[in-house]
Amino acid sequence: QVQLAESGGGLVPPGGSLRLSCKASGTIFSLHTGGWYRQAPGKARKLVAAITSDETPNYEESVKGRFTISRDTAKNTVSLQMNNLKPEDTAVYYCNLRVRSLVGASIYWGQGTQVTVSS
């Protein structure tokens, strides 16, 4: 059984920073791709940042230059460093990891963490 635990959300003023982490636990053989999605009230969930198994990052246009995604395969963790946050970044953030475990390669979702950018 693989579970994801997210941490790092909270309330920050515009221009502030937060670091989100998503740690996979269970019998994990390898961590492959990872991604962070966000969902604002009344809107669809959308991809914000992703990282491939060869460490290539991709970002949604509005966060380029402000967000950085990283992967630590030794700790089975994918993180999202968010700088210069704006009110429009307010949303619930979900991580999505593809891991290889006892049941094979599968995609798992975190429970979501609230990020609120407000003065």
Protein backbone atom coordinates (compact mmCIF):
# COMPACT_ATOMS: atom_id res chain seq x y z
CA GLN A 1 0.00 0.00 0.00
CA VAL A 2 1.44 3.35 -1.06
CA GLN A 3 0.34 6.58 0.55
CA LEU A 4 1.29 10.17 -0.16
CA ALA A 5 1.60 12.79 2.55
CA GLU A 6 1.64 16.45 1.62
CA SER A 7 2.92 19.25 3.80
CA GLY A 8 3.89 22.91 3.62
CA GLY A 9 0.70 24.75 2.75
CA GLY A 10 -0.47 27.82 4.60
CA LEU A 11 -1.30 31.52 4.50
CA VAL A 12 1.27 33.98 3.15
CA PRO A 13 1.16 37.60 2.00
CA PRO A 14 1.72 38.48 -1.66
CA GLY A 15 5.40 38.18 -2.50
CA GLY A 16 5.93 35.49 0.11
CA SER A 17 7.24 31.95 -0.30
CA LEU A 18 6.16 28.45 0.58
CA ARG A 19 7.66 25.03 0.03
CA LEU A 20 5.33 22.10 -0.53
CA SER A 21 6.52 18.54 -0.03
CA CYS A 22 4.97 15.24 -1.03
CA LYS A 23 6.40 12.09 0.49
CA ALA A 24 5.48 8.61 -0.61
CA SER A 25 5.49 5.85 2.00
CA GLY A 26 5.05 2.10 1.82
CA THR A 27 7.02 -0.58 0.03
CA ILE A 28 8.42 1.56 -2.79
CA PHE A 29 11.01 0.35 -5.23
CA SER A 30 11.43 3.53 -7.25
CA LEU A 31 10.02 7.02 -7.75
CA HIS A 32 9.38 7.97 -11.35
CA THR A 33 7.57 11.10 -12.45
CA GLY A 34 6.00 13.68 -10.16
CA GLY A 35 3.69 16.60 -10.54
CA TRP A 36 1.83 19.30 -8.67
CA TYR A 37 -1.71 20.33 -9.57
CA ARG A 38 -3.89 23.01 -8.12
CA GLN A 39 -7.60 23.62 -7.93
CA ALA A 40 -9.12 26.98 -7.12
CA PRO A 41 -12.79 27.25 -6.01
CA GLY A 42 -15.13 26.73 -8.93
CA LYS A 43 -12.33 25.83 -11.30
CA ALA A 44 -10.94 22.63 -12.75
CA ARG A 45 -7.79 21.03 -11.40
CA LYS A 46 -4.81 21.92 -13.55
CA LEU A 47 -1.18 20.97 -13.78
CA VAL A 48 1.24 23.52 -12.34
CA ALA A 49 4.58 21.76 -12.53
CA ALA A 50 5.92 18.33 -13.39
CA ILE A 51 9.25 16.55 -13.33
CA THR A 52 10.25 13.55 -15.40
CA SER A 53 12.36 10.58 -14.35
CA ASP A 54 15.40 12.22 -15.98
CA GLU A 55 14.84 15.38 -13.87
CA THR A 56 13.40 17.50 -16.68
CA PRO A 57 10.96 20.05 -15.24
CA ASN A 58 7.94 21.57 -16.96
CA TYR A 59 5.88 24.49 -15.73
CA GLU A 60 2.56 26.10 -16.43
CA GLU A 61 3.19 29.49 -18.00
CA SER A 62 1.96 31.61 -15.09
CA VAL A 63 4.43 30.09 -12.60
CA LYS A 64 7.56 30.01 -14.73
CA GLY A 65 10.42 31.78 -12.97
CA ARG A 66 8.61 31.65 -9.62
CA PHE A 67 8.08 27.93 -8.89
CA THR A 68 10.69 25.18 -8.84
CA ILE A 69 9.90 21.48 -8.73
CA SER A 70 12.45 18.98 -7.46
CA ARG A 71 12.68 15.28 -6.77
CA ASP A 72 14.59 13.33 -4.09
CA THR A 73 14.49 9.68 -5.02
CA ALA A 74 16.33 8.62 -1.85
CA LYS A 75 13.50 10.07 0.23
CA ASN A 76 10.70 9.33 -2.25
CA THR A 77 9.77 12.98 -2.12
CA VAL A 78 8.78 15.60 -4.67
CA SER A 79 8.82 19.25 -3.60
CA LEU A 80 7.56 22.53 -5.00
CA GLN A 81 9.32 25.74 -4.01
CA MET A 82 6.99 28.67 -4.60
CA ASN A 83 8.40 32.19 -4.55
CA ASN A 84 6.89 35.60 -5.22
CA LEU A 85 3.43 34.21 -4.56
CA LYS A 86 0.43 36.05 -5.94
CA PRO A 87 -3.23 36.05 -4.84
CA GLU A 88 -4.10 34.11 -7.99
CA ASP A 89 -1.92 31.26 -6.74
CA THR A 90 -4.49 30.61 -4.02
CA ALA A 91 -5.79 27.07 -4.40
CA VAL A 92 -5.66 23.55 -3.01
CA TYR A 93 -2.46 21.95 -4.25
CA TYR A 94 -2.30 18.20 -4.98
CA CYS A 95 0.74 16.11 -5.67
CA ASN A 96 0.71 13.25 -8.13
CA LEU A 97 3.49 10.66 -8.13
CA ARG A 98 4.16 7.65 -10.29
CA VAL A 99 5.95 5.02 -8.22
CA ARG A 100 6.88 1.38 -8.59
CA SER A 101 5.82 -0.73 -5.64
CA LEU A 102 4.78 -4.29 -4.88
CA VAL A 103 1.75 -3.86 -7.13
CA GLY A 104 3.75 -2.48 -10.04
CA ALA A 105 3.95 1.06 -11.45
CA SER A 106 0.96 3.16 -10.44
CA ILE A 107 -0.05 6.78 -10.04
CA TYR A 108 -1.03 8.09 -6.62
CA TRP A 109 -2.54 11.36 -5.43
CA GLY A 110 -1.95 13.32 -2.26
CA GLN A 111 -4.79 14.55 -0.08
CA GLY A 112 -4.29 18.20 -0.98
CA THR A 113 -2.91 21.16 0.94
CA GLN A 114 -4.38 24.65 1.02
CA VAL A 115 -2.27 27.58 -0.15
CA THR A 116 -3.73 31.03 0.50
CA VAL A 117 -2.01 34.20 -0.68
CA SER A 118 -3.56 37.24 0.92
CA SER A 119 -2.61 40.38 2.78
